[in-house]
PDB file of all heavy atoms in Angstrom:
ATOM      1  N   PHE A   1      -1.446   5.319  -1.573  1.00  0.00           N
ATOM      2  CA  PHE A   1      -1.758   4.015  -2.155  1.00  0.00           C
ATOM      3  C   PHE A   1      -2.832   4.149  -3.224  1.00  0.00           C
ATOM      4  O   PHE A   1      -2.783   3.486  -4.259  1.00  0.00           O
ATOM      5  CB  PHE A   1      -2.184   3.015  -1.089  1.00  0.00           C
ATOM      6  CG  PHE A   1      -1.108   2.728  -0.101  1.00  0.00           C
ATOM      7  CD1 PHE A   1      -1.349   2.818   1.254  1.00  0.00           C
ATOM      8  CD2 PHE A   1       0.167   2.379  -0.517  1.00  0.00           C
ATOM      9  CE1 PHE A   1      -0.352   2.563   2.173  1.00  0.00           C
ATOM     10  CE2 PHE A   1       1.169   2.134   0.389  1.00  0.00           C
ATOM     11  CZ  PHE A   1       0.911   2.221   1.745  1.00  0.00           C
ATOM     12  N   ARG A   2      -3.804   5.004  -2.978  1.00  0.00           N
ATOM     13  CA  ARG A   2      -4.866   5.189  -3.961  1.00  0.00           C
ATOM     14  C   ARG A   2      -4.301   5.796  -5.250  1.00  0.00           C
ATOM     15  O   ARG A   2      -4.673   5.388  -6.346  1.00  0.00           O
ATOM     16  CB  ARG A   2      -5.963   6.075  -3.373  1.00  0.00           C
ATOM     17  CG  ARG A   2      -7.198   6.097  -4.228  1.00  0.00           C
ATOM     18  CD  ARG A   2      -8.457   6.488  -3.483  1.00  0.00           C
ATOM     19  NE  ARG A   2      -8.905   5.359  -2.680  1.00  0.00           N
ATOM     20  CZ  ARG A   2      -9.124   5.437  -1.373  1.00  0.00           C
ATOM     21  NH1 ARG A   2      -8.934   6.548  -0.723  1.00  0.00           N
ATOM     22  NH2 ARG A   2      -9.539   4.386  -0.706  1.00  0.00           N
ATOM     23  N   ARG A   3      -3.392   6.760  -5.140  1.00  0.00           N
ATOM     24  CA  ARG A   3      -2.775   7.344  -6.343  1.00  0.00           C
ATOM     25  C   ARG A   3      -1.956   6.292  -7.090  1.00  0.00           C
ATOM     26  O   ARG A   3      -1.992   6.226  -8.322  1.00  0.00           O
ATOM     27  CB  ARG A   3      -1.891   8.533  -5.962  1.00  0.00           C
ATOM     28  CG  ARG A   3      -2.673   9.779  -5.585  1.00  0.00           C
ATOM     29  CD  ARG A   3      -1.782  11.001  -5.455  1.00  0.00           C
ATOM     30  NE  ARG A   3      -0.683  10.850  -4.528  1.00  0.00           N
ATOM     31  CZ  ARG A   3      -0.755  11.050  -3.212  1.00  0.00           C
ATOM     32  NH1 ARG A   3      -1.910  11.391  -2.661  1.00  0.00           N
ATOM     33  NH2 ARG A   3       0.317  10.902  -2.447  1.00  0.00           N
ATOM     34  N   LEU A   4      -1.215   5.471  -6.360  1.00  0.00           N
ATOM     35  CA  LEU A   4      -0.450   4.405  -7.006  1.00  0.00           C
ATOM     36  C   LEU A   4      -1.373   3.413  -7.698  1.00  0.00           C
ATOM     37  O   LEU A   4      -1.118   2.986  -8.825  1.00  0.00           O
ATOM     38  CB  LEU A   4       0.429   3.678  -5.982  1.00  0.00           C
ATOM     39  CG  LEU A   4       1.661   4.425  -5.504  1.00  0.00           C
ATOM     40  CD1 LEU A   4       2.274   3.718  -4.306  1.00  0.00           C
ATOM     41  CD2 LEU A   4       2.672   4.552  -6.627  1.00  0.00           C
ATOM     42  N   ALA A   5      -2.449   3.056  -7.029  1.00  0.00           N
ATOM     43  CA  ALA A   5      -3.404   2.116  -7.629  1.00  0.00           C
ATOM     44  C   ALA A   5      -4.040   2.723  -8.866  1.00  0.00           C
ATOM     45  O   ALA A   5      -4.214   2.040  -9.879  1.00  0.00           O
ATOM     46  CB  ALA A   5      -4.470   1.727  -6.609  1.00  0.00           C
ATOM     47  N   ASP A   6      -4.397   3.997  -8.816  1.00  0.00           N
ATOM     48  CA  ASP A   6      -4.965   4.658  -9.990  1.00  0.00           C
ATOM     49  C   ASP A   6      -3.986   4.628 -11.151  1.00  0.00           C
ATOM     50  O   ASP A   6      -4.374   4.394 -12.302  1.00  0.00           O
ATOM     51  CB  ASP A   6      -5.340   6.109  -9.662  1.00  0.00           C
ATOM     52  CG  ASP A   6      -6.589   6.205  -8.814  1.00  0.00           C
ATOM     53  OD1 ASP A   6      -7.337   5.206  -8.713  1.00  0.00           O
ATOM     54  OD2 ASP A   6      -6.819   7.282  -8.236  1.00  0.00           O
ATOM     55  N   ALA A   7      -2.728   4.860 -10.876  1.00  0.00           N
ATOM     56  CA  ALA A   7      -1.712   4.814 -11.924  1.00  0.00           C
ATOM     57  C   ALA A   7      -1.626   3.414 -12.518  1.00  0.00           C
ATOM     58  O   ALA A   7      -1.502   3.254 -13.735  1.00  0.00           O
ATOM     59  CB  ALA A   7      -0.352   5.245 -11.378  1.00  0.00           C
ATOM     60  N   ALA A   8      -1.715   2.392 -11.686  1.00  0.00           N
ATOM     61  CA  ALA A   8      -1.649   1.012 -12.167  1.00  0.00           C
ATOM     62  C   ALA A   8      -2.858   0.693 -13.040  1.00  0.00           C
ATOM     63  O   ALA A   8      -2.730   0.081 -14.093  1.00  0.00           O
ATOM     64  CB  ALA A   8      -1.552   0.048 -10.989  1.00  0.00           C
ATOM     65  N   TRP A   9      -4.037   1.089 -12.602  1.00  0.00           N
ATOM     66  CA  TRP A   9      -5.248   0.799 -13.364  1.00  0.00           C
ATOM     67  C   TRP A   9      -5.258   1.536 -14.703  1.00  0.00           C
ATOM     68  O   TRP A   9      -5.671   0.988 -15.715  1.00  0.00           O
ATOM     69  CB  TRP A   9      -6.494   1.188 -12.577  1.00  0.00           C
ATOM     70  CG  TRP A   9      -6.857   0.223 -11.493  1.00  0.00           C
ATOM     71  CD1 TRP A   9      -6.642  -1.120 -11.485  1.00  0.00           C
ATOM     72  CD2 TRP A   9      -7.499   0.525 -10.266  1.00  0.00           C
ATOM     73  NE1 TRP A   9      -7.109  -1.684 -10.321  1.00  0.00           N
ATOM     74  CE2 TRP A   9      -7.650  -0.679  -9.550  1.00  0.00           C
ATOM     75  CE3 TRP A   9      -7.967   1.686  -9.680  1.00  0.00           C
ATOM     76  CZ2 TRP A   9      -8.244  -0.757  -8.321  1.00  0.00           C
ATOM     77  CZ3 TRP A   9      -8.568   1.603  -8.436  1.00  0.00           C
ATOM     78  CH2 TRP A   9      -8.700   0.399  -7.759  1.00  0.00           C
ATOM     79  N   LYS A  10      -4.830   2.772 -14.727  1.00  0.00           N
ATOM     80  CA  LYS A  10      -4.913   3.584 -15.945  1.00  0.00           C
ATOM     81  C   LYS A  10      -3.795   3.283 -16.936  1.00  0.00           C
ATOM     82  O   LYS A  10      -4.004   3.308 -18.141  1.00  0.00           O
ATOM     83  CB  LYS A  10      -4.874   5.067 -15.589  1.00  0.00           C
ATOM     84  CG  LYS A  10      -6.112   5.545 -14.891  1.00  0.00           C
ATOM     85  CD  LYS A  10      -5.969   7.011 -14.513  1.00  0.00           C
ATOM     86  CE  LYS A  10      -7.165   7.482 -13.727  1.00  0.00           C
ATOM     87  NZ  LYS A  10      -7.000   8.851 -13.236  1.00  0.00           N
ATOM     88  N   TYR A  11      -2.613   3.041 -16.430  1.00  0.00           N
ATOM     89  CA  TYR A  11      -1.442   2.972 -17.303  1.00  0.00           C
ATOM     90  C   TYR A  11      -0.662   1.672 -17.197  1.00  0.00           C
ATOM     91  O   TYR A  11       0.441   1.573 -17.705  1.00  0.00           O
ATOM     92  CB  TYR A  11      -0.488   4.130 -16.983  1.00  0.00           C
ATOM     93  CG  TYR A  11      -1.176   5.463 -16.933  1.00  0.00           C
ATOM     94  CD1 TYR A  11      -1.331   6.134 -15.739  1.00  0.00           C
ATOM     95  CD2 TYR A  11      -1.675   6.041 -18.095  1.00  0.00           C
ATOM     96  CE1 TYR A  11      -1.978   7.361 -15.695  1.00  0.00           C
ATOM     97  CE2 TYR A  11      -2.317   7.265 -18.058  1.00  0.00           C
ATOM     98  CZ  TYR A  11      -2.466   7.919 -16.851  1.00  0.00           C
ATOM     99  OH  TYR A  11      -3.101   9.123 -16.806  1.00  0.00           O
ATOM    100  N   GLY A  12      -1.177   0.703 -16.519  1.00  0.00           N
ATOM    101  CA  GLY A  12      -0.385  -0.487 -16.232  1.00  0.00           C
ATOM    102  C   GLY A  12       0.426  -0.219 -14.977  1.00  0.00           C
ATOM    103  O   GLY A  12       0.150   0.703 -14.231  1.00  0.00           O
ATOM    104  N   LEU A  13       1.426  -0.993 -14.737  1.00  0.00           N
ATOM    105  CA  LEU A  13       2.203  -0.855 -13.508  1.00  0.00           C
ATOM    106  C   LEU A  13       3.269   0.219 -13.666  1.00  0.00           C
ATOM    107  O   LEU A  13       4.440  -0.062 -13.830  1.00  0.00           O
ATOM    108  CB  LEU A  13       2.825  -2.198 -13.124  1.00  0.00           C
ATOM    109  CG  LEU A  13       1.823  -3.283 -12.784  1.00  0.00           C
ATOM    110  CD1 LEU A  13       2.532  -4.591 -12.485  1.00  0.00           C
ATOM    111  CD2 LEU A  13       0.954  -2.878 -11.610  1.00  0.00           C
ATOM    112  N   ARG A  14       2.828   1.454 -13.649  1.00  0.00           N
ATOM    113  CA  ARG A  14       3.742   2.585 -13.744  1.00  0.00           C
ATOM    114  C   ARG A  14       3.870   3.235 -12.387  1.00  0.00           C
ATOM    115  O   ARG A  14       2.950   3.242 -11.584  1.00  0.00           O
ATOM    116  CB  ARG A  14       3.225   3.600 -14.759  1.00  0.00           C
ATOM    117  CG  ARG A  14       3.225   2.996 -16.176  1.00  0.00           C
ATOM    118  CD  ARG A  14       2.835   3.990 -17.191  1.00  0.00           C
ATOM    119  NE  ARG A  14       3.833   5.052 -17.211  1.00  0.00           N
ATOM    120  CZ  ARG A  14       3.689   6.165 -17.886  1.00  0.00           C
ATOM    121  NH1 ARG A  14       2.603   6.366 -18.585  1.00  0.00           N
ATOM    122  NH2 ARG A  14       4.621   7.091 -17.870  1.00  0.00           N
ATOM    123  N   TYR A  15       4.977   3.828 -12.150  1.00  0.00           N
ATOM    124  CA  TYR A  15       5.293   4.443 -10.867  1.00  0.00           C
ATOM    125  C   TYR A  15       4.853   5.903 -10.825  1.00  0.00           C
ATOM    126  O   TYR A  15       5.048   6.651 -11.773  1.00  0.00           O
ATOM    127  CB  TYR A  15       6.808   4.357 -10.643  1.00  0.00           C
ATOM    128  CG  TYR A  15       7.274   4.976  -9.362  1.00  0.00           C
ATOM    129  CD1 TYR A  15       6.936   4.429  -8.140  1.00  0.00           C
ATOM    130  CD2 TYR A  15       8.053   6.115  -9.380  1.00  0.00           C
ATOM    131  CE1 TYR A  15       7.374   4.994  -6.971  1.00  0.00           C
ATOM    132  CE2 TYR A  15       8.501   6.698  -8.210  1.00  0.00           C
ATOM    133  CZ  TYR A  15       8.150   6.130  -7.001  1.00  0.00           C
ATOM    134  OH  TYR A  15       8.579   6.697  -5.850  1.00  0.00           O
ATOM    135  N   ASN A  16       4.251   6.296  -9.721  1.00  0.00           N
ATOM    136  CA  ASN A  16       3.880   7.681  -9.490  1.00  0.00           C
ATOM    137  C   ASN A  16       4.936   8.302  -8.581  1.00  0.00           C
ATOM    138  O   ASN A  16       5.115   7.861  -7.453  1.00  0.00           O
ATOM    139  CB  ASN A  16       2.490   7.727  -8.828  1.00  0.00           C
ATOM    140  CG  ASN A  16       2.005   9.136  -8.596  1.00  0.00           C
ATOM    141  OD1 ASN A  16       2.787  10.091  -8.587  1.00  0.00           O
ATOM    142  ND2 ASN A  16       0.716   9.267  -8.407  1.00  0.00           N
ATOM    143  N   LYS A  17       5.648   9.310  -9.035  1.00  0.00           N
ATOM    144  CA  LYS A  17       6.770   9.874  -8.280  1.00  0.00           C
ATOM    145  C   LYS A  17       6.341  10.640  -7.037  1.00  0.00           C
ATOM    146  O   LYS A  17       7.183  11.098  -6.292  1.00  0.00           O
ATOM    147  CB  LYS A  17       7.603  10.774  -9.184  1.00  0.00           C
ATOM    148  CG  LYS A  17       8.327   9.997 -10.246  1.00  0.00           C
ATOM    149  CD  LYS A  17       9.244  10.869 -11.041  1.00  0.00           C
ATOM    150  CE  LYS A  17       9.948   9.997 -12.076  1.00  0.00           C
ATOM    151  NZ  LYS A  17      10.966  10.713 -12.787  1.00  0.00           N
ATOM    152  N   LYS A  18       5.056  10.769  -6.775  1.00  0.00           N
ATOM    153  CA  LYS A  18       4.582  11.500  -5.603  1.00  0.00           C
ATOM    154  C   LYS A  18       4.431  10.591  -4.386  1.00  0.00           C
ATOM    155  O   LYS A  18       3.640  10.847  -3.508  1.00  0.00           O
ATOM    156  CB  LYS A  18       3.257  12.182  -5.916  1.00  0.00           C
ATOM    157  CG  LYS A  18       3.384  13.247  -6.995  1.00  0.00           C
ATOM    158  CD  LYS A  18       2.059  13.904  -7.250  1.00  0.00           C
ATOM    159  CE  LYS A  18       2.210  14.962  -8.326  1.00  0.00           C
ATOM    160  NZ  LYS A  18       0.942  15.597  -8.640  1.00  0.00           N
ATOM    161  N   VAL A  19       5.180   9.521  -4.325  1.00  0.00           N
ATOM    162  CA  VAL A  19       5.097   8.580  -3.206  1.00  0.00           C
ATOM    163  C   VAL A  19       5.655   9.248  -1.956  1.00  0.00           C
ATOM    164  O   VAL A  19       6.721   9.840  -1.973  1.00  0.00           O
ATOM    165  CB  VAL A  19       5.882   7.287  -3.506  1.00  0.00           C
ATOM    166  CG1 VAL A  19       5.904   6.385  -2.291  1.00  0.00           C
ATOM    167  CG2 VAL A  19       5.270   6.576  -4.686  1.00  0.00           C
ATOM    168  N   ASP A  20       4.919   9.141  -0.872  1.00  0.00           N
ATOM    169  CA  ASP A  20       5.346   9.712   0.416  1.00  0.00           C
ATOM    170  C   ASP A  20       5.702   8.551   1.333  1.00  0.00           C
ATOM    171  O   ASP A  20       4.822   7.871   1.842  1.00  0.00           O
ATOM    172  CB  ASP A  20       4.212  10.553   0.987  1.00  0.00           C
ATOM    173  CG  ASP A  20       4.562  11.179   2.313  1.00  0.00           C
ATOM    174  OD1 ASP A  20       5.529  10.723   2.952  1.00  0.00           O
ATOM    175  OD2 ASP A  20       3.862  12.099   2.731  1.00  0.00           O
ATOM    176  N   PHE A  21       6.997   8.307   1.522  1.00  0.00           N
ATOM    177  CA  PHE A  21       7.438   7.162   2.306  1.00  0.00           C
ATOM    178  C   PHE A  21       7.080   7.286   3.778  1.00  0.00           C
ATOM    179  O   PHE A  21       6.816   6.291   4.440  1.00  0.00           O
ATOM    180  CB  PHE A  21       8.939   6.941   2.114  1.00  0.00           C
ATOM    181  CG  PHE A  21       9.280   6.510   0.722  1.00  0.00           C
ATOM    182  CD1 PHE A  21       9.779   7.416  -0.199  1.00  0.00           C
ATOM    183  CD2 PHE A  21       9.060   5.210   0.315  1.00  0.00           C
ATOM    184  CE1 PHE A  21      10.075   7.017  -1.495  1.00  0.00           C
ATOM    185  CE2 PHE A  21       9.347   4.805  -0.978  1.00  0.00           C
ATOM    186  CZ  PHE A  21       9.851   5.715  -1.892  1.00  0.00           C
ATOM    187  N   ASP A  22       7.044   8.499   4.329  1.00  0.00           N
ATOM    188  CA  ASP A  22       6.659   8.667   5.728  1.00  0.00           C
ATOM    189  C   ASP A  22       5.212   8.262   5.953  1.00  0.00           C
ATOM    190  O   ASP A  22       4.882   7.590   6.923  1.00  0.00           O
ATOM    191  CB  ASP A  22       6.870  10.116   6.181  1.00  0.00           C
ATOM    192  CG  ASP A  22       8.339  10.488   6.256  1.00  0.00           C
ATOM    193  OD1 ASP A  22       9.183   9.578   6.404  1.00  0.00           O
ATOM    194  OD2 ASP A  22       8.650  11.691   6.166  1.00  0.00           O
ATOM    195  N   SER A  23       4.326   8.652   5.052  1.00  0.00           N
ATOM    196  CA  SER A  23       2.924   8.283   5.219  1.00  0.00           C
ATOM    197  C   SER A  23       2.719   6.784   4.984  1.00  0.00           C
ATOM    198  O   SER A  23       1.917   6.150   5.659  1.00  0.00           O
ATOM    199  CB  SER A  23       2.030   9.112   4.290  1.00  0.00           C
ATOM    200  OG  SER A  23       2.342   8.875   2.939  1.00  0.00           O
ATOM    201  N   SER A  24       3.469   6.203   4.052  1.00  0.00           N
ATOM    202  CA  SER A  24       3.380   4.750   3.832  1.00  0.00           C
ATOM    203  C   SER A  24       3.841   4.004   5.076  1.00  0.00           C
ATOM    204  O   SER A  24       3.231   3.013   5.480  1.00  0.00           O
ATOM    205  CB  SER A  24       4.243   4.336   2.635  1.00  0.00           C
ATOM    206  OG  SER A  24       3.813   4.980   1.475  1.00  0.00           O
ATOM    207  N   ASN A  25       4.906   4.480   5.682  1.00  0.00           N
ATOM    208  CA  ASN A  25       5.402   3.877   6.908  1.00  0.00           C
ATOM    209  C   ASN A  25       4.372   3.990   8.029  1.00  0.00           C
ATOM    210  O   ASN A  25       4.140   3.040   8.775  1.00  0.00           O
ATOM    211  CB  ASN A  25       6.724   4.529   7.318  1.00  0.00           C
ATOM    212  CG  ASN A  25       7.352   3.830   8.491  1.00  0.00           C
ATOM    213  OD1 ASN A  25       7.519   2.619   8.488  1.00  0.00           O
ATOM    214  ND2 ASN A  25       7.699   4.591   9.507  1.00  0.00           N
ATOM    215  N   ALA A  26       3.723   5.150   8.152  1.00  0.00           N
ATOM    216  CA  ALA A  26       2.684   5.327   9.178  1.00  0.00           C
ATOM    217  C   ALA A  26       1.556   4.331   8.974  1.00  0.00           C
ATOM    218  O   ALA A  26       1.032   3.754   9.926  1.00  0.00           O
ATOM    219  CB  ALA A  26       2.150   6.759   9.144  1.00  0.00           C
ATOM    220  N   PHE A  27       1.198   4.096   7.719  1.00  0.00           N
ATOM    221  CA  PHE A  27       0.127   3.149   7.411  1.00  0.00           C
ATOM    222  C   PHE A  27       0.510   1.730   7.808  1.00  0.00           C
ATOM    223  O   PHE A  27      -0.226   1.028   8.494  1.00  0.00           O
ATOM    224  CB  PHE A  27      -0.204   3.226   5.915  1.00  0.00           C
ATOM    225  CG  PHE A  27      -1.282   2.280   5.479  1.00  0.00           C
ATOM    226  CD1 PHE A  27      -2.613   2.581   5.717  1.00  0.00           C
ATOM    227  CD2 PHE A  27      -0.977   1.102   4.827  1.00  0.00           C
ATOM    228  CE1 PHE A  27      -3.616   1.719   5.303  1.00  0.00           C
ATOM    229  CE2 PHE A  27      -1.967   0.236   4.411  1.00  0.00           C
ATOM    230  CZ  PHE A  27      -3.291   0.545   4.652  1.00  0.00           C
ATOM    231  N   PHE A  28       1.698   1.274   7.397  1.00  0.00           N
ATOM    232  CA  PHE A  28       2.095  -0.119   7.609  1.00  0.00           C
ATOM    233  C   PHE A  28       2.600  -0.421   9.019  1.00  0.00           C
ATOM    234  O   PHE A  28       2.790  -1.590   9.338  1.00  0.00           O
ATOM    235  CB  PHE A  28       3.149  -0.539   6.582  1.00  0.00           C
ATOM    236  CG  PHE A  28       2.566  -0.858   5.253  1.00  0.00           C
ATOM    237  CD1 PHE A  28       2.882  -0.096   4.137  1.00  0.00           C
ATOM    238  CD2 PHE A  28       1.673  -1.901   5.095  1.00  0.00           C
ATOM    239  CE1 PHE A  28       2.335  -0.380   2.896  1.00  0.00           C
ATOM    240  CE2 PHE A  28       1.117  -2.201   3.863  1.00  0.00           C
ATOM    241  CZ  PHE A  28       1.449  -1.432   2.761  1.00  0.00           C
ATOM    242  N   THR A  29       2.820   0.569   9.855  1.00  0.00           N
ATOM    243  CA  THR A  29       3.250   0.289  11.222  1.00  0.00           C
ATOM    244  C   THR A  29       2.080   0.204  12.190  1.00  0.00           C
ATOM    245  O   THR A  29       2.285   0.086  13.394  1.00  0.00           O
ATOM    246  CB  THR A  29       4.261   1.350  11.725  1.00  0.00           C
ATOM    247  OG1 THR A  29       3.676   2.648  11.620  1.00  0.00           O
ATOM    248  CG2 THR A  29       5.562   1.273  10.950  1.00  0.00           C
ATOM    249  N   GLN A  30       0.862   0.178  11.676  1.00  0.00           N
ATOM    250  CA  GLN A  30      -0.296  -0.004  12.543  1.00  0.00           C
ATOM    251  C   GLN A  30      -0.358  -1.458  13.020  1.00  0.00           C
ATOM    252  O   GLN A  30       0.130  -2.368  12.359  1.00  0.00           O
ATOM    253  CB  GLN A  30      -1.567   0.387  11.803  1.00  0.00           C
ATOM    254  CG  GLN A  30      -1.577   1.880  11.487  1.00  0.00           C
ATOM    255  CD  GLN A  30      -2.799   2.277  10.741  1.00  0.00           C
ATOM    256  OE1 GLN A  30      -3.771   2.703  11.335  1.00  0.00           O
ATOM    257  NE2 GLN A  30      -2.760   2.097   9.425  1.00  0.00           N
ATOM    258  N   ASP A  31      -0.962  -1.662  14.167  1.00  0.00           N
ATOM    259  CA  ASP A  31      -0.967  -2.961  14.838  1.00  0.00           C
ATOM    260  C   ASP A  31      -1.466  -4.107  13.968  1.00  0.00           C
ATOM    261  O   ASP A  31      -0.951  -5.217  14.043  1.00  0.00           O
ATOM    262  CB  ASP A  31      -1.814  -2.906  16.113  1.00  0.00           C
ATOM    263  CG  ASP A  31      -1.183  -2.065  17.202  1.00  0.00           C
ATOM    264  OD1 ASP A  31       0.037  -1.796  17.112  1.00  0.00           O
ATOM    265  OD2 ASP A  31      -1.905  -1.663  18.138  1.00  0.00           O
ATOM    266  N   TRP A  32      -2.488  -3.872  13.142  1.00  0.00           N
ATOM    267  CA  TRP A  32      -3.068  -4.970  12.358  1.00  0.00           C
ATOM    268  C   TRP A  32      -2.023  -5.660  11.498  1.00  0.00           C
ATOM    269  O   TRP A  32      -2.045  -6.878  11.346  1.00  0.00           O
ATOM    270  CB  TRP A  32      -4.207  -4.451  11.484  1.00  0.00           C
ATOM    271  CG  TRP A  32      -4.882  -5.533  10.694  1.00  0.00           C
ATOM    272  CD1 TRP A  32      -5.739  -6.485  11.180  1.00  0.00           C
ATOM    273  CD2 TRP A  32      -4.746  -5.790   9.292  1.00  0.00           C
ATOM    274  NE1 TRP A  32      -6.152  -7.316  10.159  1.00  0.00           N
ATOM    275  CE2 TRP A  32      -5.555  -6.901   8.987  1.00  0.00           C
ATOM    276  CE3 TRP A  32      -4.031  -5.187   8.271  1.00  0.00           C
ATOM    277  CZ2 TRP A  32      -5.678  -7.425   7.705  1.00  0.00           C
ATOM    278  CZ3 TRP A  32      -4.150  -5.700   6.990  1.00  0.00           C
ATOM    279  CH2 TRP A  32      -4.965  -6.810   6.727  1.00  0.00           C
ATOM    280  N   PHE A  33      -1.073  -4.923  10.957  1.00  0.00           N
ATOM    281  CA  PHE A  33      -0.080  -5.497  10.061  1.00  0.00           C
ATOM    282  C   PHE A  33       0.920  -6.390  10.782  1.00  0.00           C
ATOM    283  O   PHE A  33       1.643  -7.144  10.145  1.00  0.00           O
ATOM    284  CB  PHE A  33       0.648  -4.384   9.293  1.00  0.00           C
ATOM    285  CG  PHE A  33      -0.245  -3.687   8.313  1.00  0.00           C
ATOM    286  CD1 PHE A  33      -0.816  -2.472   8.628  1.00  0.00           C
ATOM    287  CD2 PHE A  33      -0.539  -4.270   7.096  1.00  0.00           C
ATOM    288  CE1 PHE A  33      -1.658  -1.830   7.737  1.00  0.00           C
ATOM    289  CE2 PHE A  33      -1.383  -3.640   6.192  1.00  0.00           C
ATOM    290  CZ  PHE A  33      -1.942  -2.417   6.518  1.00  0.00           C
ATOM    291  N   ALA A  34       0.970  -6.332  12.104  1.00  0.00           N
ATOM    292  CA  ALA A  34       1.882  -7.174  12.874  1.00  0.00           C
ATOM    293  C   ALA A  34       1.286  -8.545  13.178  1.00  0.00           C
ATOM    294  O   ALA A  34       1.996  -9.451  13.600  1.00  0.00           O
ATOM    295  CB  ALA A  34       2.258  -6.480  14.184  1.00  0.00           C
ATOM    296  N   GLY A  35      -0.011  -8.727  12.946  1.00  0.00           N
ATOM    297  CA  GLY A  35      -0.667  -9.992  13.266  1.00  0.00           C
ATOM    298  C   GLY A  35      -0.352 -11.083  12.257  1.00  0.00           C
ATOM    299  O   GLY A  35      -0.287 -10.836  11.057  1.00  0.00           O
ATOM    300  N   LEU A  36      -0.168 -12.287  12.743  1.00  0.00           N
ATOM    301  CA  LEU A  36       0.122 -13.416  11.858  1.00  0.00           C
ATOM    302  C   LEU A  36      -1.082 -13.826  11.019  1.00  0.00           C
ATOM    303  O   LEU A  36      -0.928 -14.364   9.932  1.00  0.00           O
ATOM    304  CB  LEU A  36       0.593 -14.615  12.682  1.00  0.00           C
ATOM    305  CG  LEU A  36       1.913 -14.442  13.423  1.00  0.00           C
ATOM    306  CD1 LEU A  36       2.194 -15.659  14.283  1.00  0.00           C
ATOM    307  CD2 LEU A  36       3.045 -14.211  12.441  1.00  0.00           C
ATOM    308  N   TRP A  37      -2.286 -13.567  11.516  1.00  0.00           N
ATOM    309  CA  TRP A  37      -3.496 -14.000  10.844  1.00  0.00           C
ATOM    310  C   TRP A  37      -3.846 -13.120   9.642  1.00  0.00           C
ATOM    311  O   TRP A  37      -4.721 -13.459   8.865  1.00  0.00           O
ATOM    312  CB  TRP A  37      -4.667 -13.987  11.820  1.00  0.00           C
ATOM    313  CG  TRP A  37      -4.917 -12.621  12.358  1.00  0.00           C
ATOM    314  CD1 TRP A  37      -5.706 -11.643  11.814  1.00  0.00           C
ATOM    315  CD2 TRP A  37      -4.328 -12.046  13.516  1.00  0.00           C
ATOM    316  NE1 TRP A  37      -5.652 -10.510  12.553  1.00  0.00           N
ATOM    317  CE2 TRP A  37      -4.806 -10.725  13.622  1.00  0.00           C
ATOM    318  CE3 TRP A  37      -3.443 -12.507  14.482  1.00  0.00           C
ATOM    319  CZ2 TRP A  37      -4.420  -9.871  14.646  1.00  0.00           C
ATOM    320  CZ3 TRP A  37      -3.070 -11.653  15.504  1.00  0.00           C
ATOM    321  CH2 TRP A  37      -3.556 -10.357  15.584  1.00  0.00           C
ATOM    322  N   ILE A  38      -3.181 -11.995   9.453  1.00  0.00           N
ATOM    323  CA  ILE A  38      -3.585 -11.103   8.369  1.00  0.00           C
ATOM    324  C   ILE A  38      -3.406 -11.746   6.996  1.00  0.00           C
ATOM    325  O   ILE A  38      -4.130 -11.417   6.077  1.00  0.00           O
ATOM    326  CB  ILE A  38      -2.887  -9.726   8.418  1.00  0.00           C
ATOM    327  CG1 ILE A  38      -1.411  -9.823   8.065  1.00  0.00           C
ATOM    328  CG2 ILE A  38      -3.104  -9.055   9.743  1.00  0.00           C
ATOM    329  CD1 ILE A  38      -0.793  -8.480   7.761  1.00  0.00           C
ATOM    330  N   VAL A  39      -2.480 -12.678   6.872  1.00  0.00           N
ATOM    331  CA  VAL A  39      -2.313 -13.363   5.586  1.00  0.00           C
ATOM    332  C   VAL A  39      -3.594 -14.112   5.252  1.00  0.00           C
ATOM    333  O   VAL A  39      -4.093 -14.055   4.127  1.00  0.00           O
ATOM    334  CB  VAL A  39      -1.097 -14.318   5.614  1.00  0.00           C
ATOM    335  CG1 VAL A  39      -1.028 -15.149   4.349  1.00  0.00           C
ATOM    336  CG2 VAL A  39       0.178 -13.524   5.818  1.00  0.00           C
ATOM    337  N   GLN A  40      -4.166 -14.802   6.240  1.00  0.00           N
ATOM    338  CA  GLN A  40      -5.422 -15.516   6.017  1.00  0.00           C
ATOM    339  C   GLN A  40      -6.545 -14.537   5.701  1.00  0.00           C
ATOM    340  O   GLN A  40      -7.324 -14.749   4.782  1.00  0.00           O
ATOM    341  CB  GLN A  40      -5.793 -16.358   7.233  1.00  0.00           C
ATOM    342  CG  GLN A  40      -4.853 -17.514   7.477  1.00  0.00           C
ATOM    343  CD  GLN A  40      -5.200 -18.270   8.730  1.00  0.00           C
ATOM    344  OE1 GLN A  40      -5.749 -17.733   9.684  1.00  0.00           O
ATOM    345  NE2 GLN A  40      -4.872 -19.545   8.740  1.00  0.00           N
ATOM    346  N   GLU A  41      -6.635 -13.457   6.468  1.00  0.00           N
ATOM    347  CA  GLU A  41      -7.688 -12.472   6.230  1.00  0.00           C
ATOM    348  C   GLU A  41      -7.578 -11.884   4.826  1.00  0.00           C
ATOM    349  O   GLU A  41      -8.576 -11.678   4.152  1.00  0.00           O
ATOM    350  CB  GLU A  41      -7.594 -11.326   7.241  1.00  0.00           C
ATOM    351  CG  GLU A  41      -8.038 -11.670   8.622  1.00  0.00           C
ATOM    352  CD  GLU A  41      -7.961 -10.481   9.567  1.00  0.00           C
ATOM    353  OE1 GLU A  41      -7.822  -9.338   9.110  1.00  0.00           O
ATOM    354  OE2 GLU A  41      -8.035 -10.709  10.769  1.00  0.00           O
ATOM    355  N   TYR A  42      -6.382 -11.620   4.404  1.00  0.00           N
ATOM    356  CA  TYR A  42      -6.152 -10.915   3.144  1.00  0.00           C
ATOM    357  C   TYR A  42      -6.217 -11.843   1.930  1.00  0.00           C
ATOM    358  O   TYR A  42      -6.737 -11.476   0.893  1.00  0.00           O
ATOM    359  CB  TYR A  42      -4.797 -10.214   3.203  1.00  0.00           C
ATOM    360  CG  TYR A  42      -4.613  -9.161   2.142  1.00  0.00           C
ATOM    361  CD1 TYR A  42      -5.152  -7.895   2.310  1.00  0.00           C
ATOM    362  CD2 TYR A  42      -3.922  -9.437   0.977  1.00  0.00           C
ATOM    363  CE1 TYR A  42      -4.993  -6.921   1.345  1.00  0.00           C
ATOM    364  CE2 TYR A  42      -3.756  -8.464  -0.004  1.00  0.00           C
ATOM    365  CZ  TYR A  42      -4.297  -7.214   0.185  1.00  0.00           C
ATOM    366  OH  TYR A  42      -4.147  -6.259  -0.779  1.00  0.00           O
ATOM    367  N   VAL A  43      -5.703 -13.052   2.056  1.00  0.00           N
ATOM    368  CA  VAL A  43      -5.577 -13.943   0.902  1.00  0.00           C
ATOM    369  C   VAL A  43      -6.787 -14.855   0.722  1.00  0.00           C
ATOM    370  O   VAL A  43      -7.196 -15.117  -0.406  1.00  0.00           O
ATOM    371  CB  VAL A  43      -4.281 -14.789   1.025  1.00  0.00           C
ATOM    372  CG1 VAL A  43      -4.206 -15.838  -0.061  1.00  0.00           C
ATOM    373  CG2 VAL A  43      -3.064 -13.884   0.989  1.00  0.00           C
TER     374      VAL A  43
END
């Protein structure tokens, strides 16, 4: 995510081909993301 964000900040919304879908999945399957209140916390 940090590499993707760096690419966005430096070059606009460009894609970094080094995306690791397994690690992204590991990140988003953590318990916090299942909570309904996270929208309020985040937004």
